[in-house]
Amino acid sequence: MYLYPKIFDNADAKKENWSKFKVETFEDVSKTDFVKTFLPLVLFNLLLVGFGWRNFRKEKQIV
């Protein structure tokens, strides 16, 4: 919260001592389970393929 009031007071950035601020980076250590991630996508695509196949067979029988 140190810089927050200075932003709205239009303080000059060149006057700030930037060497006292340390650069922090975010590292996500959680693991991704690809089966749980892609299973809904695969099932939805198979459902759409099934509907398309059924519709194609219906159209083929009419002709």
PDB file of N, CA and C in Angstrom:
ATOM      1  N   MET A   1       0.817  -1.194   0.000  1.00  0.00           N
ATOM      2  CA  MET A   1       0.000   0.000   0.000  1.00  0.00           C
ATOM      3  C   MET A   1       0.863   1.261   0.000  1.00  0.00           C
ATOM      4  N   TYR A   2       2.138   1.083  -0.129  1.00  0.00           N
ATOM      5  CA  TYR A   2       3.033   2.238  -0.108  1.00  0.00           C
ATOM      6  C   TYR A   2       2.836   3.133  -1.327  1.00  0.00           C
ATOM      7  N   LEU A   3       2.721   2.524  -2.501  1.00  0.00           N
ATOM      8  CA  LEU A   3       2.628   3.314  -3.724  1.00  0.00           C
ATOM      9  C   LEU A   3       1.203   3.760  -4.059  1.00  0.00           C
ATOM     10  N   TYR A   4       0.227   3.156  -3.441  1.00  0.00           N
ATOM     11  CA  TYR A   4      -1.166   3.435  -3.788  1.00  0.00           C
ATOM     12  C   TYR A   4      -1.528   4.923  -3.669  1.00  0.00           C
ATOM     13  N   PRO A   5      -1.252   5.590  -2.551  1.00  0.00           N
ATOM     14  CA  PRO A   5      -1.593   7.019  -2.478  1.00  0.00           C
ATOM     15  C   PRO A   5      -0.773   7.876  -3.444  1.00  0.00           C
ATOM     16  N   LYS A   6       0.443   7.467  -3.724  1.00  0.00           N
ATOM     17  CA  LYS A   6       1.290   8.245  -4.628  1.00  0.00           C
ATOM     18  C   LYS A   6       0.768   8.215  -6.065  1.00  0.00           C
ATOM     19  N   ILE A   7       0.110   7.115  -6.420  1.00  0.00           N
ATOM     20  CA  ILE A   7      -0.447   7.023  -7.774  1.00  0.00           C
ATOM     21  C   ILE A   7      -1.516   8.082  -7.969  1.00  0.00           C
ATOM     22  N   PHE A   8      -2.380   8.242  -6.982  1.00  0.00           N
ATOM     23  CA  PHE A   8      -3.486   9.183  -7.118  1.00  0.00           C
ATOM     24  C   PHE A   8      -3.085  10.618  -6.805  1.00  0.00           C
ATOM     25  N   ASP A   9      -1.923  10.811  -6.209  1.00  0.00           N
ATOM     26  CA  ASP A   9      -1.406  12.165  -5.988  1.00  0.00           C
ATOM     27  C   ASP A   9      -0.543  12.624  -7.158  1.00  0.00           C
ATOM     28  N   ASN A  10      -0.442  11.782  -8.197  1.00  0.00           N
ATOM     29  CA  ASN A  10       0.377  12.068  -9.378  1.00  0.00           C
ATOM     30  C   ASN A  10       1.827  12.361  -9.003  1.00  0.00           C
ATOM     31  N   ALA A  11       2.375  11.567  -8.109  1.00  0.00           N
ATOM     32  CA  ALA A  11       3.772  11.723  -7.706  1.00  0.00           C
ATOM     33  C   ALA A  11       4.681  11.315  -8.863  1.00  0.00           C
ATOM     34  N   ASP A  12       5.809  11.985  -8.968  1.00  0.00           N
ATOM     35  CA  ASP A  12       6.755  11.714 -10.043  1.00  0.00           C
ATOM     36  C   ASP A  12       7.453  10.369  -9.796  1.00  0.00           C
ATOM     37  N   ALA A  13       7.414   9.496 -10.784  1.00  0.00           N
ATOM     38  CA  ALA A  13       8.002   8.165 -10.647  1.00  0.00           C
ATOM     39  C   ALA A  13       9.526   8.214 -10.628  1.00  0.00           C
ATOM     40  N   LYS A  14      10.114   9.248 -11.195  1.00  0.00           N
ATOM     41  CA  LYS A  14      11.574   9.346 -11.226  1.00  0.00           C
ATOM     42  C   LYS A  14      12.152   9.647  -9.848  1.00  0.00           C
ATOM     43  N   LYS A  15      11.348  10.206  -8.953  1.00  0.00           N
ATOM     44  CA  LYS A  15      11.827  10.532  -7.609  1.00  0.00           C
ATOM     45  C   LYS A  15      11.761   9.328  -6.663  1.00  0.00           C
ATOM     46  N   GLU A  16      11.140   8.265  -7.098  1.00  0.00           N
ATOM     47  CA  GLU A  16      10.976   7.085  -6.247  1.00  0.00           C
ATOM     48  C   GLU A  16      12.248   6.235  -6.275  1.00  0.00           C
ATOM     49  N   ASN A  17      12.604   5.677  -5.137  1.00  0.00           N
ATOM     50  CA  ASN A  17      13.770   4.800  -5.019  1.00  0.00           C
ATOM     51  C   ASN A  17      13.316   3.373  -5.356  1.00  0.00           C
ATOM     52  N   TRP A  18      13.452   2.985  -6.606  1.00  0.00           N
ATOM     53  CA  TRP A  18      12.945   1.701  -7.073  1.00  0.00           C
ATOM     54  C   TRP A  18      13.821   0.532  -6.633  1.00  0.00           C
ATOM     55  N   SER A  19      15.027   0.789  -6.171  1.00  0.00           N
ATOM     56  CA  SER A  19      15.910  -0.299  -5.762  1.00  0.00           C
ATOM     57  C   SER A  19      15.450  -0.950  -4.452  1.00  0.00           C
ATOM     58  N   LYS A  20      14.581  -0.297  -3.695  1.00  0.00           N
ATOM     59  CA  LYS A  20      14.114  -0.904  -2.446  1.00  0.00           C
ATOM     60  C   LYS A  20      12.932  -1.857  -2.655  1.00  0.00           C
ATOM     61  N   PHE A  21      12.466  -1.980  -3.890  1.00  0.00           N
ATOM     62  CA  PHE A  21      11.376  -2.904  -4.205  1.00  0.00           C
ATOM     63  C   PHE A  21      11.939  -4.152  -4.881  1.00  0.00           C
ATOM     64  N   LYS A  22      11.547  -5.303  -4.366  1.00  0.00           N
ATOM     65  CA  LYS A  22      12.021  -6.572  -4.897  1.00  0.00           C
ATOM     66  C   LYS A  22      10.990  -7.099  -5.905  1.00  0.00           C
ATOM     67  N   VAL A  23      11.471  -7.658  -6.995  1.00  0.00           N
ATOM     68  CA  VAL A  23      10.591  -8.246  -8.000  1.00  0.00           C
ATOM     69  C   VAL A  23      10.127  -9.612  -7.512  1.00  0.00           C
ATOM     70  N   GLU A  24       8.825  -9.802  -7.495  1.00  0.00           N
ATOM     71  CA  GLU A  24       8.267 -11.085  -7.082  1.00  0.00           C
ATOM     72  C   GLU A  24       7.538 -11.701  -8.263  1.00  0.00           C
ATOM     73  N   THR A  25       7.683 -13.002  -8.410  1.00  0.00           N
ATOM     74  CA  THR A  25       6.994 -13.705  -9.487  1.00  0.00           C
ATOM     75  C   THR A  25       6.099 -14.772  -8.891  1.00  0.00           C
ATOM     76  N   PHE A  26       5.064 -15.113  -9.625  1.00  0.00           N
ATOM     77  CA  PHE A  26       4.111 -16.130  -9.187  1.00  0.00           C
ATOM     78  C   PHE A  26       4.479 -17.459  -9.808  1.00  0.00           C
ATOM     79  N   GLU A  27       4.496 -18.486  -8.995  1.00  0.00           N
ATOM     80  CA  GLU A  27       4.745 -19.843  -9.474  1.00  0.00           C
ATOM     81  C   GLU A  27       3.607 -20.730  -9.007  1.00  0.00           C
ATOM     82  N   ASP A  28       2.926 -21.342  -9.953  1.00  0.00           N
ATOM     83  CA  ASP A  28       1.818 -22.228  -9.634  1.00  0.00           C
ATOM     84  C   ASP A  28       2.348 -23.637  -9.459  1.00  0.00           C
ATOM     85  N   VAL A  29       2.207 -24.187  -8.274  1.00  0.00           N
ATOM     86  CA  VAL A  29       2.739 -25.516  -7.990  1.00  0.00           C
ATOM     87  C   VAL A  29       1.668 -26.602  -8.077  1.00  0.00           C
ATOM     88  N   SER A  30       0.435 -26.214  -8.374  1.00  0.00           N
ATOM     89  CA  SER A  30      -0.621 -27.226  -8.459  1.00  0.00           C
ATOM     90  C   SER A  30      -0.460 -28.040  -9.741  1.00  0.00           C
ATOM     91  N   LYS A  31      -0.800 -29.317  -9.637  1.00  0.00           N
ATOM     92  CA  LYS A  31      -0.686 -30.206 -10.784  1.00  0.00           C
ATOM     93  C   LYS A  31      -2.005 -30.236 -11.538  1.00  0.00           C
ATOM     94  N   THR A  32      -1.913 -30.348 -12.852  1.00  0.00           N
ATOM     95  CA  THR A  32      -3.090 -30.418 -13.693  1.00  0.00           C
ATOM     96  C   THR A  32      -3.343 -31.857 -14.086  1.00  0.00           C
ATOM     97  N   ASP A  33      -4.547 -32.334 -13.821  1.00  0.00           N
ATOM     98  CA  ASP A  33      -4.932 -33.683 -14.215  1.00  0.00           C
ATOM     99  C   ASP A  33      -5.569 -33.589 -15.600  1.00  0.00           C
ATOM    100  N   PHE A  34      -4.846 -34.043 -16.619  1.00  0.00           N
ATOM    101  CA  PHE A  34      -5.301 -33.879 -17.994  1.00  0.00           C
ATOM    102  C   PHE A  34      -6.540 -34.714 -18.308  1.00  0.00           C
ATOM    103  N   VAL A  35      -6.723 -35.820 -17.601  1.00  0.00           N
ATOM    104  CA  VAL A  35      -7.917 -36.634 -17.833  1.00  0.00           C
ATOM    105  C   VAL A  35      -9.156 -35.849 -17.404  1.00  0.00           C
ATOM    106  N   LYS A  36      -9.113 -35.248 -16.227  1.00  0.00           N
ATOM    107  CA  LYS A  36     -10.249 -34.455 -15.750  1.00  0.00           C
ATOM    108  C   LYS A  36     -10.436 -33.195 -16.583  1.00  0.00           C
ATOM    109  N   THR A  37      -9.372 -32.693 -17.146  1.00  0.00           N
ATOM    110  CA  THR A  37      -9.463 -31.480 -17.935  1.00  0.00           C
ATOM    111  C   THR A  37     -10.088 -31.741 -19.297  1.00  0.00           C
ATOM    112  N   PHE A  38      -9.655 -32.785 -19.976  1.00  0.00           N
ATOM    113  CA  PHE A  38     -10.095 -33.010 -21.348  1.00  0.00           C
ATOM    114  C   PHE A  38     -11.270 -33.971 -21.480  1.00  0.00           C
ATOM    115  N   LEU A  39     -11.621 -34.695 -20.435  1.00  0.00           N
ATOM    116  CA  LEU A  39     -12.722 -35.637 -20.527  1.00  0.00           C
ATOM    117  C   LEU A  39     -14.052 -34.959 -20.882  1.00  0.00           C
ATOM    118  N   PRO A  40     -14.443 -33.852 -20.261  1.00  0.00           N
ATOM    119  CA  PRO A  40     -15.695 -33.200 -20.672  1.00  0.00           C
ATOM    120  C   PRO A  40     -15.669 -32.739 -22.130  1.00  0.00           C
ATOM    121  N   LEU A  41     -14.545 -32.263 -22.594  1.00  0.00           N
ATOM    122  CA  LEU A  41     -14.428 -31.830 -23.984  1.00  0.00           C
ATOM    123  C   LEU A  41     -14.594 -32.999 -24.939  1.00  0.00           C
ATOM    124  N   VAL A  42     -13.957 -34.114 -24.631  1.00  0.00           N
ATOM    125  CA  VAL A  42     -14.046 -35.302 -25.485  1.00  0.00           C
ATOM    126  C   VAL A  42     -15.470 -35.850 -25.486  1.00  0.00           C
ATOM    127  N   LEU A  43     -16.099 -35.914 -24.320  1.00  0.00           N
ATOM    128  CA  LEU A  43     -17.476 -36.416 -24.251  1.00  0.00           C
ATOM    129  C   LEU A  43     -18.442 -35.515 -25.020  1.00  0.00           C
ATOM    130  N   PHE A  44     -18.284 -34.219 -24.899  1.00  0.00           N
ATOM    131  CA  PHE A  44     -19.141 -33.283 -25.623  1.00  0.00           C
ATOM    132  C   PHE A  44     -18.940 -33.428 -27.128  1.00  0.00           C
ATOM    133  N   ASN A  45     -17.705 -33.570 -27.562  1.00  0.00           N
ATOM    134  CA  ASN A  45     -17.439 -33.758 -28.991  1.00  0.00           C
ATOM    135  C   ASN A  45     -18.016 -35.079 -29.495  1.00  0.00           C
ATOM    136  N   LEU A  46     -17.900 -36.141 -28.701  1.00  0.00           N
ATOM    137  CA  LEU A  46     -18.485 -37.418 -29.100  1.00  0.00           C
ATOM    138  C   LEU A  46     -20.005 -37.323 -29.182  1.00  0.00           C
ATOM    139  N   LEU A  47     -20.610 -36.582 -28.279  1.00  0.00           N
ATOM    140  CA  LEU A  47     -22.056 -36.373 -28.317  1.00  0.00           C
ATOM    141  C   LEU A  47     -22.460 -35.651 -29.605  1.00  0.00           C
ATOM    142  N   LEU A  48     -21.728 -34.612 -29.960  1.00  0.00           N
ATOM    143  CA  LEU A  48     -22.034 -33.878 -31.192  1.00  0.00           C
ATOM    144  C   LEU A  48     -21.799 -34.740 -32.430  1.00  0.00           C
ATOM    145  N   VAL A  49     -20.753 -35.537 -32.421  1.00  0.00           N
ATOM    146  CA  VAL A  49     -20.493 -36.446 -33.543  1.00  0.00           C
ATOM    147  C   VAL A  49     -21.624 -37.452 -33.656  1.00  0.00           C
ATOM    148  N   GLY A  50     -22.094 -37.965 -32.527  1.00  0.00           N
ATOM    149  CA  GLY A  50     -23.204 -38.914 -32.534  1.00  0.00           C
ATOM    150  C   GLY A  50     -24.475 -38.293 -33.111  1.00  0.00           C
ATOM    151  N   PHE A  51     -24.795 -37.069 -32.716  1.00  0.00           N
ATOM    152  CA  PHE A  51     -25.972 -36.383 -33.271  1.00  0.00           C
ATOM    153  C   PHE A  51     -25.812 -36.147 -34.771  1.00  0.00           C
ATOM    154  N   GLY A  52     -24.615 -35.768 -35.185  1.00  0.00           N
ATOM    155  CA  GLY A  52     -24.373 -35.552 -36.612  1.00  0.00           C
ATOM    156  C   GLY A  52     -24.473 -36.841 -37.403  1.00  0.00           C
ATOM    157  N   TRP A  53     -23.945 -37.902 -36.868  1.00  0.00           N
ATOM    158  CA  TRP A  53     -24.013 -39.204 -37.541  1.00  0.00           C
ATOM    159  C   TRP A  53     -25.457 -39.670 -37.659  1.00  0.00           C
ATOM    160  N   ARG A  54     -26.228 -39.494 -36.578  1.00  0.00           N
ATOM    161  CA  ARG A  54     -27.653 -39.872 -36.583  1.00  0.00           C
ATOM    162  C   ARG A  54     -28.429 -39.044 -37.606  1.00  0.00           C
ATOM    163  N   ASN A  55     -28.144 -37.765 -37.651  1.00  0.00           N
ATOM    164  CA  ASN A  55     -28.820 -36.882 -38.600  1.00  0.00           C
ATOM    165  C   ASN A  55     -28.438 -37.249 -40.036  1.00  0.00           C
ATOM    166  N   PHE A  56     -27.205 -37.588 -40.266  1.00  0.00           N
ATOM    167  CA  PHE A  56     -26.755 -37.968 -41.606  1.00  0.00           C
ATOM    168  C   PHE A  56     -27.438 -39.258 -42.060  1.00  0.00           C
ATOM    169  N   ARG A  57     -27.571 -40.211 -41.145  1.00  0.00           N
ATOM    170  CA  ARG A  57     -28.232 -41.476 -41.497  1.00  0.00           C
ATOM    171  C   ARG A  57     -29.712 -41.258 -41.793  1.00  0.00           C
ATOM    172  N   LYS A  58     -30.370 -40.344 -41.075  1.00  0.00           N
ATOM    173  CA  LYS A  58     -31.766 -40.033 -41.343  1.00  0.00           C
ATOM    174  C   LYS A  58     -31.926 -39.437 -42.742  1.00  0.00           C
ATOM    175  N   GLU A  59     -31.047 -38.489 -43.087  1.00  0.00           N
ATOM    176  CA  GLU A  59     -31.112 -37.851 -44.395  1.00  0.00           C
ATOM    177  C   GLU A  59     -30.853 -38.862 -45.492  1.00  0.00           C
ATOM    178  N   LYS A  60     -29.983 -39.818 -45.252  1.00  0.00           N
ATOM    179  CA  LYS A  60     -29.627 -40.816 -46.244  1.00  0.00           C
ATOM    180  C   LYS A  60     -30.808 -41.767 -46.511  1.00  0.00           C
ATOM    181  N   GLN A  61     -31.608 -42.076 -45.506  1.00  0.00           N
ATOM    182  CA  GLN A  61     -32.732 -42.978 -45.661  1.00  0.00           C
ATOM    183  C   GLN A  61     -33.870 -42.345 -46.445  1.00  0.00           C
ATOM    184  N   ILE A  62     -34.028 -41.039 -46.376  1.00  0.00           N
ATOM    185  CA  ILE A  62     -35.122 -40.357 -47.067  1.00  0.00           C
ATOM    186  C   ILE A  62     -34.910 -40.407 -48.575  1.00  0.00           C
ATOM    187  N   VAL A  63     -33.689 -40.306 -49.021  1.00  0.00           N
ATOM    188  CA  VAL A  63     -33.393 -40.265 -50.449  1.00  0.00           C
ATOM    189  C   VAL A  63     -33.581 -41.567 -51.069  1.00  0.00           C
TER     190      VAL A  63
END
